[in-house]
Amino acid sequence: MTAYLWTKSAHLLFVMAWVAAAFYLPRILVNLVEVGEQPAVRARLVLMGQRLYRFGHVMFGVAFVLGLVLWLGYRFIPDYPTMVGARGGWLHAKLALVALLLAHFIVAGRWLKGLDKGRALPSSKALRVFNEVPVFVLLGVIWLVLAKPF
């Protein structure tokens, strides 16, 4: 049980780090649109965004591997609890929302990478709406994990 709790704690830590990146990357895009033509500020924001995007991918990868251990560890680790049960539909819904959050993160990263190719970003207003999407998706994930409604 101790291994399970350490694995779950580490999973939550890396998930929080990834979600922080997923929350902040769209905000950097908003700042890029609003900064105008100030080359030094733009360059700094692009660099911050690139580093954050790489960091987010690493955090997601570690969280994903730890999540797999939590999900399937009972098959390989003696006395490891399982979260797979008769009522496991909540897990599939949660994974669908996590995939949506990952897609959102990747879209933000693609927009950031497009700046190097001269592509324009969406409007400030559109990016502000885009910036709020992860909050609601994460709320759904948290509710599914805590309530396990189905």
N, C-alpha and C. Protein backbone atom coordinates (compact mmCIF):
# COMPACT_ATOMS: atom_id res chain seq x y z
N MET A 1 0.82 -1.19 0.00
CA MET A 1 0.00 0.00 0.00
C MET A 1 0.86 1.26 0.00
N THR A 2 2.03 1.19 0.62
CA THR A 2 2.91 2.35 0.66
C THR A 2 3.38 2.72 -0.75
N ALA A 3 3.72 1.74 -1.56
CA ALA A 3 4.15 2.02 -2.93
C ALA A 3 3.03 2.69 -3.72
N TYR A 4 1.81 2.23 -3.49
CA TYR A 4 0.66 2.81 -4.17
C TYR A 4 0.50 4.29 -3.79
N LEU A 5 0.60 4.60 -2.52
CA LEU A 5 0.42 5.98 -2.07
C LEU A 5 1.55 6.89 -2.57
N TRP A 6 2.77 6.37 -2.61
CA TRP A 6 3.88 7.16 -3.16
C TRP A 6 3.68 7.40 -4.65
N THR A 7 3.24 6.37 -5.35
CA THR A 7 3.00 6.50 -6.79
C THR A 7 1.88 7.51 -7.05
N LYS A 8 0.81 7.42 -6.27
CA LYS A 8 -0.31 8.33 -6.45
C LYS A 8 0.10 9.77 -6.11
N SER A 9 0.89 9.95 -5.07
CA SER A 9 1.37 11.29 -4.70
C SER A 9 2.24 11.88 -5.81
N ALA A 10 3.14 11.08 -6.34
CA ALA A 10 4.01 11.56 -7.42
C ALA A 10 3.18 11.86 -8.67
N HIS A 11 2.20 11.01 -8.96
CA HIS A 11 1.32 11.25 -10.11
C HIS A 11 0.62 12.60 -9.96
N LEU A 12 0.07 12.87 -8.79
CA LEU A 12 -0.62 14.14 -8.56
C LEU A 12 0.33 15.33 -8.67
N LEU A 13 1.54 15.18 -8.17
CA LEU A 13 2.53 16.26 -8.28
C LEU A 13 2.82 16.60 -9.74
N PHE A 14 3.07 15.58 -10.55
CA PHE A 14 3.40 15.82 -11.96
C PHE A 14 2.18 16.28 -12.75
N VAL A 15 0.99 15.83 -12.38
CA VAL A 15 -0.23 16.32 -13.02
C VAL A 15 -0.39 17.81 -12.73
N MET A 16 -0.17 18.20 -11.47
CA MET A 16 -0.29 19.63 -11.12
C MET A 16 0.72 20.48 -11.88
N ALA A 17 1.93 19.97 -12.05
CA ALA A 17 2.94 20.73 -12.79
C ALA A 17 2.54 20.87 -14.25
N TRP A 18 1.99 19.79 -14.83
CA TRP A 18 1.55 19.86 -16.23
C TRP A 18 0.37 20.81 -16.39
N VAL A 19 -0.58 20.73 -15.48
CA VAL A 19 -1.76 21.60 -15.58
C VAL A 19 -1.35 23.06 -15.41
N ALA A 20 -0.38 23.32 -14.56
CA ALA A 20 0.12 24.70 -14.43
C ALA A 20 0.64 25.19 -15.78
N ALA A 21 1.37 24.34 -16.48
CA ALA A 21 1.86 24.71 -17.81
C ALA A 21 0.70 24.89 -18.78
N ALA A 22 -0.28 24.01 -18.70
CA ALA A 22 -1.45 24.11 -19.59
C ALA A 22 -2.26 25.37 -19.31
N PHE A 23 -2.26 25.84 -18.07
CA PHE A 23 -2.96 27.08 -17.72
C PHE A 23 -2.17 28.30 -18.19
N TYR A 24 -0.86 28.25 -18.08
CA TYR A 24 -0.06 29.45 -18.31
C TYR A 24 0.33 29.67 -19.77
N LEU A 25 0.47 28.61 -20.55
CA LEU A 25 0.88 28.77 -21.94
C LEU A 25 -0.11 29.62 -22.74
N PRO A 26 -1.41 29.40 -22.63
CA PRO A 26 -2.33 30.30 -23.36
C PRO A 26 -2.24 31.75 -22.90
N ARG A 27 -1.92 31.96 -21.63
CA ARG A 27 -1.77 33.33 -21.13
C ARG A 27 -0.57 34.00 -21.78
N ILE A 28 0.49 33.25 -22.00
CA ILE A 28 1.66 33.79 -22.72
C ILE A 28 1.26 34.19 -24.13
N LEU A 29 0.39 33.38 -24.77
CA LEU A 29 -0.07 33.72 -26.12
C LEU A 29 -0.88 35.02 -26.10
N VAL A 30 -1.73 35.21 -25.10
CA VAL A 30 -2.48 36.46 -24.97
C VAL A 30 -1.50 37.63 -24.86
N ASN A 31 -0.49 37.47 -24.03
CA ASN A 31 0.51 38.54 -23.86
C ASN A 31 1.25 38.83 -25.16
N LEU A 32 1.53 37.78 -25.93
CA LEU A 32 2.21 37.97 -27.21
C LEU A 32 1.37 38.80 -28.17
N VAL A 33 0.07 38.56 -28.20
CA VAL A 33 -0.81 39.34 -29.07
C VAL A 33 -0.88 40.78 -28.61
N GLU A 34 -0.94 40.98 -27.32
CA GLU A 34 -1.15 42.32 -26.78
C GLU A 34 0.12 43.16 -26.68
N VAL A 35 1.30 42.54 -26.78
CA VAL A 35 2.55 43.30 -26.63
C VAL A 35 2.84 44.15 -27.87
N GLY A 36 2.26 43.78 -29.00
CA GLY A 36 2.50 44.56 -30.22
C GLY A 36 3.88 44.28 -30.79
N GLU A 37 4.50 45.33 -31.28
CA GLU A 37 5.80 45.18 -31.95
C GLU A 37 6.96 45.63 -31.06
N GLN A 38 7.08 45.04 -29.91
CA GLN A 38 8.22 45.30 -29.03
C GLN A 38 9.12 44.06 -29.10
N PRO A 39 10.14 44.08 -29.94
CA PRO A 39 10.92 42.87 -30.21
C PRO A 39 11.53 42.21 -28.98
N ALA A 40 12.03 43.00 -28.06
CA ALA A 40 12.68 42.41 -26.88
C ALA A 40 11.66 41.67 -26.02
N VAL A 41 10.50 42.27 -25.83
CA VAL A 41 9.46 41.64 -25.02
C VAL A 41 8.91 40.41 -25.72
N ARG A 42 8.68 40.53 -27.02
CA ARG A 42 8.18 39.38 -27.81
C ARG A 42 9.16 38.20 -27.72
N ALA A 43 10.44 38.51 -27.90
CA ALA A 43 11.45 37.44 -27.86
C ALA A 43 11.46 36.75 -26.50
N ARG A 44 11.33 37.53 -25.44
CA ARG A 44 11.31 36.95 -24.09
C ARG A 44 10.07 36.08 -23.90
N LEU A 45 8.92 36.57 -24.35
CA LEU A 45 7.69 35.79 -24.21
C LEU A 45 7.74 34.50 -25.02
N VAL A 46 8.28 34.57 -26.23
CA VAL A 46 8.41 33.37 -27.06
C VAL A 46 9.33 32.36 -26.38
N LEU A 47 10.44 32.83 -25.86
CA LEU A 47 11.37 31.94 -25.16
C LEU A 47 10.70 31.31 -23.93
N MET A 48 9.98 32.12 -23.17
CA MET A 48 9.26 31.59 -22.00
C MET A 48 8.24 30.52 -22.44
N GLY A 49 7.52 30.81 -23.51
CA GLY A 49 6.53 29.86 -24.02
C GLY A 49 7.16 28.56 -24.48
N GLN A 50 8.28 28.65 -25.19
CA GLN A 50 8.96 27.44 -25.66
C GLN A 50 9.44 26.58 -24.50
N ARG A 51 10.02 27.22 -23.51
CA ARG A 51 10.51 26.48 -22.34
C ARG A 51 9.35 25.85 -21.57
N LEU A 52 8.29 26.61 -21.43
CA LEU A 52 7.11 26.10 -20.72
C LEU A 52 6.49 24.93 -21.48
N TYR A 53 6.45 25.01 -22.79
CA TYR A 53 5.88 23.92 -23.61
C TYR A 53 6.70 22.64 -23.44
N ARG A 54 8.02 22.76 -23.48
CA ARG A 54 8.89 21.58 -23.26
C ARG A 54 8.69 21.03 -21.86
N PHE A 55 8.67 21.91 -20.86
CA PHE A 55 8.46 21.50 -19.48
C PHE A 55 7.13 20.77 -19.34
N GLY A 56 6.10 21.31 -19.94
CA GLY A 56 4.78 20.69 -19.87
C GLY A 56 4.76 19.30 -20.47
N HIS A 57 5.46 19.12 -21.57
CA HIS A 57 5.51 17.78 -22.19
C HIS A 57 6.22 16.78 -21.28
N VAL A 58 7.28 17.19 -20.66
CA VAL A 58 8.00 16.29 -19.74
C VAL A 58 7.11 15.94 -18.55
N MET A 59 6.45 16.94 -17.99
CA MET A 59 5.58 16.70 -16.83
C MET A 59 4.42 15.78 -17.21
N PHE A 60 3.85 15.99 -18.40
CA PHE A 60 2.77 15.12 -18.85
C PHE A 60 3.27 13.69 -19.01
N GLY A 61 4.45 13.53 -19.60
CA GLY A 61 5.00 12.18 -19.81
C GLY A 61 5.18 11.43 -18.51
N VAL A 62 5.75 12.09 -17.51
CA VAL A 62 5.96 11.43 -16.22
C VAL A 62 4.62 11.12 -15.56
N ALA A 63 3.68 12.09 -15.60
CA ALA A 63 2.35 11.86 -15.02
C ALA A 63 1.64 10.71 -15.72
N PHE A 64 1.80 10.60 -17.03
CA PHE A 64 1.18 9.53 -17.81
C PHE A 64 1.72 8.17 -17.40
N VAL A 65 3.04 8.06 -17.28
CA VAL A 65 3.65 6.79 -16.88
C VAL A 65 3.20 6.40 -15.47
N LEU A 66 3.19 7.35 -14.57
CA LEU A 66 2.74 7.06 -13.20
C LEU A 66 1.25 6.70 -13.19
N GLY A 67 0.47 7.34 -14.04
CA GLY A 67 -0.95 6.99 -14.15
C GLY A 67 -1.14 5.57 -14.65
N LEU A 68 -0.32 5.15 -15.60
CA LEU A 68 -0.38 3.76 -16.07
C LEU A 68 -0.04 2.78 -14.96
N VAL A 69 0.94 3.13 -14.14
CA VAL A 69 1.29 2.26 -13.01
C VAL A 69 0.11 2.17 -12.04
N LEU A 70 -0.53 3.31 -11.78
CA LEU A 70 -1.70 3.28 -10.89
C LEU A 70 -2.83 2.44 -11.47
N TRP A 71 -3.00 2.52 -12.77
CA TRP A 71 -4.10 1.83 -13.43
C TRP A 71 -3.83 0.33 -13.56
N LEU A 72 -2.61 -0.01 -13.94
CA LEU A 72 -2.30 -1.41 -14.27
C LEU A 72 -1.28 -2.06 -13.34
N GLY A 73 -0.86 -1.33 -12.31
CA GLY A 73 0.18 -1.85 -11.42
C GLY A 73 -0.20 -3.13 -10.71
N TYR A 74 -1.49 -3.34 -10.45
CA TYR A 74 -1.92 -4.54 -9.74
C TYR A 74 -1.57 -5.81 -10.51
N ARG A 75 -1.36 -5.69 -11.81
CA ARG A 75 -1.02 -6.86 -12.63
C ARG A 75 0.44 -7.28 -12.46
N PHE A 76 1.29 -6.35 -12.04
CA PHE A 76 2.72 -6.61 -12.00
C PHE A 76 3.35 -6.50 -10.62
N ILE A 77 2.71 -5.75 -9.73
CA ILE A 77 3.29 -5.49 -8.41
C ILE A 77 2.45 -6.23 -7.37
N PRO A 78 3.07 -7.15 -6.61
CA PRO A 78 2.31 -7.89 -5.60
C PRO A 78 1.67 -6.96 -4.56
N ASP A 79 0.46 -7.26 -4.15
CA ASP A 79 -0.30 -6.51 -3.14
C ASP A 79 -0.55 -5.05 -3.52
N TYR A 80 -0.52 -4.75 -4.81
CA TYR A 80 -0.77 -3.38 -5.27
C TYR A 80 -2.28 -3.22 -5.48
N PRO A 81 -2.90 -2.22 -4.86
CA PRO A 81 -4.35 -2.05 -5.02
C PRO A 81 -4.72 -1.74 -6.48
N THR A 82 -5.94 -2.01 -6.82
CA THR A 82 -6.41 -1.69 -8.17
C THR A 82 -7.49 -0.63 -8.11
N MET A 83 -7.51 0.22 -9.11
CA MET A 83 -8.60 1.18 -9.22
C MET A 83 -9.54 0.77 -10.34
N VAL A 84 -9.29 -0.41 -10.92
CA VAL A 84 -10.15 -0.94 -11.96
C VAL A 84 -11.19 -1.80 -11.28
N GLY A 85 -12.44 -1.44 -11.42
CA GLY A 85 -13.50 -2.19 -10.77
C GLY A 85 -14.71 -2.31 -11.67
N ALA A 86 -15.78 -2.77 -11.10
CA ALA A 86 -17.01 -2.95 -11.86
C ALA A 86 -17.54 -1.61 -12.38
N ARG A 87 -17.34 -0.55 -11.58
CA ARG A 87 -17.83 0.77 -11.97
C ARG A 87 -16.65 1.61 -12.45
N GLY A 88 -16.15 1.32 -13.62
CA GLY A 88 -14.97 2.02 -14.11
C GLY A 88 -15.24 3.01 -15.22
N GLY A 89 -16.52 3.32 -15.49
CA GLY A 89 -16.84 4.26 -16.56
C GLY A 89 -16.32 5.66 -16.31
N TRP A 90 -16.24 6.03 -15.03
CA TRP A 90 -15.73 7.35 -14.69
C TRP A 90 -14.29 7.52 -15.18
N LEU A 91 -13.52 6.42 -15.13
CA LEU A 91 -12.12 6.48 -15.54
C LEU A 91 -12.01 6.78 -17.03
N HIS A 92 -12.88 6.17 -17.83
CA HIS A 92 -12.85 6.42 -19.27
C HIS A 92 -13.25 7.86 -19.58
N ALA A 93 -14.24 8.36 -18.85
CA ALA A 93 -14.64 9.76 -19.05
C ALA A 93 -13.52 10.70 -18.63
N LYS A 94 -12.84 10.38 -17.53
CA LYS A 94 -11.72 11.20 -17.07
C LYS A 94 -10.61 11.20 -18.10
N LEU A 95 -10.29 10.04 -18.64
CA LEU A 95 -9.23 9.95 -19.64
C LEU A 95 -9.60 10.73 -20.90
N ALA A 96 -10.88 10.74 -21.25
CA ALA A 96 -11.32 11.53 -22.41
C ALA A 96 -11.10 13.02 -22.15
N LEU A 97 -11.41 13.47 -20.94
CA LEU A 97 -11.19 14.88 -20.60
C LEU A 97 -9.70 15.21 -20.55
N VAL A 98 -8.89 14.29 -20.06
CA VAL A 98 -7.43 14.50 -20.04
C VAL A 98 -6.92 14.60 -21.48
N ALA A 99 -7.44 13.76 -22.37
CA ALA A 99 -7.04 13.84 -23.78
C ALA A 99 -7.44 15.19 -24.38
N LEU A 100 -8.62 15.71 -23.99
CA LEU A 100 -9.05 17.03 -24.45
C LEU A 100 -8.12 18.11 -23.93
N LEU A 101 -7.72 18.01 -22.67
CA LEU A 101 -6.79 18.97 -22.09
C LEU A 101 -5.42 18.90 -22.77
N LEU A 102 -4.98 17.69 -23.09
CA LEU A 102 -3.71 17.53 -23.81
C LEU A 102 -3.81 18.14 -25.21
N ALA A 103 -4.93 17.93 -25.89
CA ALA A 103 -5.11 18.52 -27.23
C ALA A 103 -5.08 20.04 -27.14
N HIS A 104 -5.69 20.59 -26.13
CA HIS A 104 -5.68 22.05 -25.90
C HIS A 104 -4.25 22.54 -25.73
N PHE A 105 -3.47 21.83 -24.93
CA PHE A 105 -2.07 22.18 -24.69
C PHE A 105 -1.26 22.12 -25.98
N ILE A 106 -1.49 21.09 -26.78
CA ILE A 106 -0.77 20.93 -28.04
C ILE A 106 -1.13 22.03 -29.03
N VAL A 107 -2.42 22.40 -29.10
CA VAL A 107 -2.83 23.49 -29.98
C VAL A 107 -2.12 24.78 -29.59
N ALA A 108 -2.07 25.06 -28.29
CA ALA A 108 -1.36 26.27 -27.83
C ALA A 108 0.11 26.21 -28.24
N GLY A 109 0.72 25.03 -28.12
CA GLY A 109 2.12 24.88 -28.53
C GLY A 109 2.32 25.05 -30.02
N ARG A 110 1.37 24.57 -30.82
CA ARG A 110 1.45 24.73 -32.27
C ARG A 110 1.34 26.21 -32.66
N TRP A 111 0.45 26.92 -31.98
CA TRP A 111 0.34 28.36 -32.26
C TRP A 111 1.65 29.06 -31.92
N LEU A 112 2.26 28.66 -30.82
CA LEU A 112 3.54 29.26 -30.44
C LEU A 112 4.61 28.94 -31.48
N LYS A 113 4.67 27.69 -31.93
CA LYS A 113 5.65 27.31 -32.95
C LYS A 113 5.38 28.00 -34.28
N GLY A 114 4.12 28.29 -34.57
CA GLY A 114 3.77 28.96 -35.81
C GLY A 114 4.31 30.38 -35.90
N LEU A 115 4.59 30.99 -34.76
CA LEU A 115 5.15 32.34 -34.77
C LEU A 115 6.49 32.37 -35.49
N ASP A 116 7.29 31.31 -35.34
CA ASP A 116 8.59 31.23 -36.01
C ASP A 116 8.44 31.19 -37.53
N LYS A 117 7.28 30.71 -37.99
CA LYS A 117 7.02 30.59 -39.43
C LYS A 117 6.23 31.78 -39.96
N GLY A 118 6.04 32.78 -39.11
CA GLY A 118 5.35 33.98 -39.54
C GLY A 118 3.83 33.91 -39.46
N ARG A 119 3.29 32.88 -38.84
CA ARG A 119 1.84 32.77 -38.72
C ARG A 119 1.33 33.71 -37.63
N ALA A 120 0.16 34.23 -37.84
CA ALA A 120 -0.45 35.12 -36.85
C ALA A 120 -1.21 34.31 -35.81
N LEU A 121 -1.29 34.86 -34.63
CA LEU A 121 -2.09 34.25 -33.57
C LEU A 121 -3.53 34.70 -33.68
N PRO A 122 -4.47 33.95 -33.10
CA PRO A 122 -5.85 34.43 -33.05
C PRO A 122 -5.92 35.75 -32.27
N SER A 123 -7.08 36.35 -32.28
CA SER A 123 -7.26 37.64 -31.60
C SER A 123 -7.09 37.48 -30.09
N SER A 124 -6.87 38.60 -29.45
CA SER A 124 -6.71 38.61 -28.00
C SER A 124 -7.97 38.07 -27.32
N LYS A 125 -9.13 38.46 -27.82
CA LYS A 125 -10.39 38.00 -27.23
C LYS A 125 -10.55 36.49 -27.38
N ALA A 126 -10.23 35.96 -28.56
CA ALA A 126 -10.33 34.51 -28.79
C ALA A 126 -9.35 33.76 -27.88
N LEU A 127 -8.15 34.31 -27.73
CA LEU A 127 -7.17 33.65 -26.87
C LEU A 127 -7.57 33.71 -25.40
N ARG A 128 -8.26 34.77 -25.00
CA ARG A 128 -8.74 34.86 -23.62
C ARG A 128 -9.79 33.78 -23.34
N VAL A 129 -10.66 33.55 -24.30
CA VAL A 129 -11.65 32.46 -24.16
C VAL A 129 -10.93 31.11 -24.15
N PHE A 130 -9.99 30.95 -25.07
CA PHE A 130 -9.19 29.72 -25.13
C PHE A 130 -8.46 29.47 -23.82
N ASN A 131 -8.04 30.54 -23.18
CA ASN A 131 -7.30 30.48 -21.92
C ASN A 131 -8.15 29.91 -20.78
N GLU A 132 -9.47 30.07 -20.86
CA GLU A 132 -10.35 29.62 -19.78
C GLU A 132 -10.80 28.17 -19.92
N VAL A 133 -10.67 27.60 -21.08
CA VAL A 133 -11.14 26.23 -21.34
C VAL A 133 -10.55 25.21 -20.36
N PRO A 134 -9.23 25.22 -20.10
CA PRO A 134 -8.67 24.19 -19.22
C PRO A 134 -9.25 24.19 -17.81
N VAL A 135 -9.71 25.35 -17.34
CA VAL A 135 -10.28 25.41 -15.99
C VAL A 135 -11.52 24.52 -15.90
N PHE A 136 -12.38 24.62 -16.90
CA PHE A 136 -13.62 23.85 -16.88
C PHE A 136 -13.37 22.37 -17.14
N VAL A 137 -12.42 22.07 -18.01
CA VAL A 137 -12.08 20.67 -18.26
C VAL A 137 -11.49 20.04 -17.01
N LEU A 138 -10.60 20.76 -16.34
CA LEU A 138 -10.01 20.24 -15.10
C LEU A 138 -11.07 20.06 -14.02
N LEU A 139 -12.02 20.96 -13.95
CA LEU A 139 -13.11 20.81 -12.98
C LEU A 139 -13.86 19.50 -13.24
N GLY A 140 -14.09 19.17 -14.50
CA GLY A 140 -14.73 17.90 -14.84
C GLY A 140 -13.89 16.71 -14.42
N VAL A 141 -12.59 16.79 -14.65
CA VAL A 141 -11.69 15.70 -14.25
C VAL A 141 -11.74 15.50 -12.73
N ILE A 142 -11.64 16.58 -12.00
CA ILE A 142 -11.65 16.49 -10.53
C ILE A 142 -12.97 15.90 -10.04
N TRP A 143 -14.07 16.36 -10.60
CA TRP A 143 -15.38 15.84 -10.18
C TRP A 143 -15.48 14.35 -10.46
N LEU A 144 -15.03 13.92 -11.64
CA LEU A 144 -15.10 12.50 -11.97
C LEU A 144 -14.25 11.65 -11.02
N VAL A 145 -13.07 12.14 -10.68
CA VAL A 145 -12.18 11.38 -9.79
C VAL A 145 -12.76 11.29 -8.38
N LEU A 146 -13.33 12.37 -7.90
CA LEU A 146 -13.86 12.37 -6.54
C LEU A 146 -15.21 11.67 -6.43
N ALA A 147 -16.11 11.94 -7.38
CA ALA A 147 -17.48 11.40 -7.26
C ALA A 147 -17.61 9.99 -7.83
N LYS A 148 -16.79 9.65 -8.82
CA LYS A 148 -16.89 8.34 -9.50
C LYS A 148 -18.38 8.01 -9.75
N PRO A 149 -19.05 8.86 -10.53
CA PRO A 149 -20.50 8.75 -10.66
C PRO A 149 -21.00 7.53 -11.42
N PHE A 150 -20.15 6.94 -12.23
CA PHE A 150 -20.58 5.76 -13.01
C PHE A 150 -19.40 4.84 -13.24
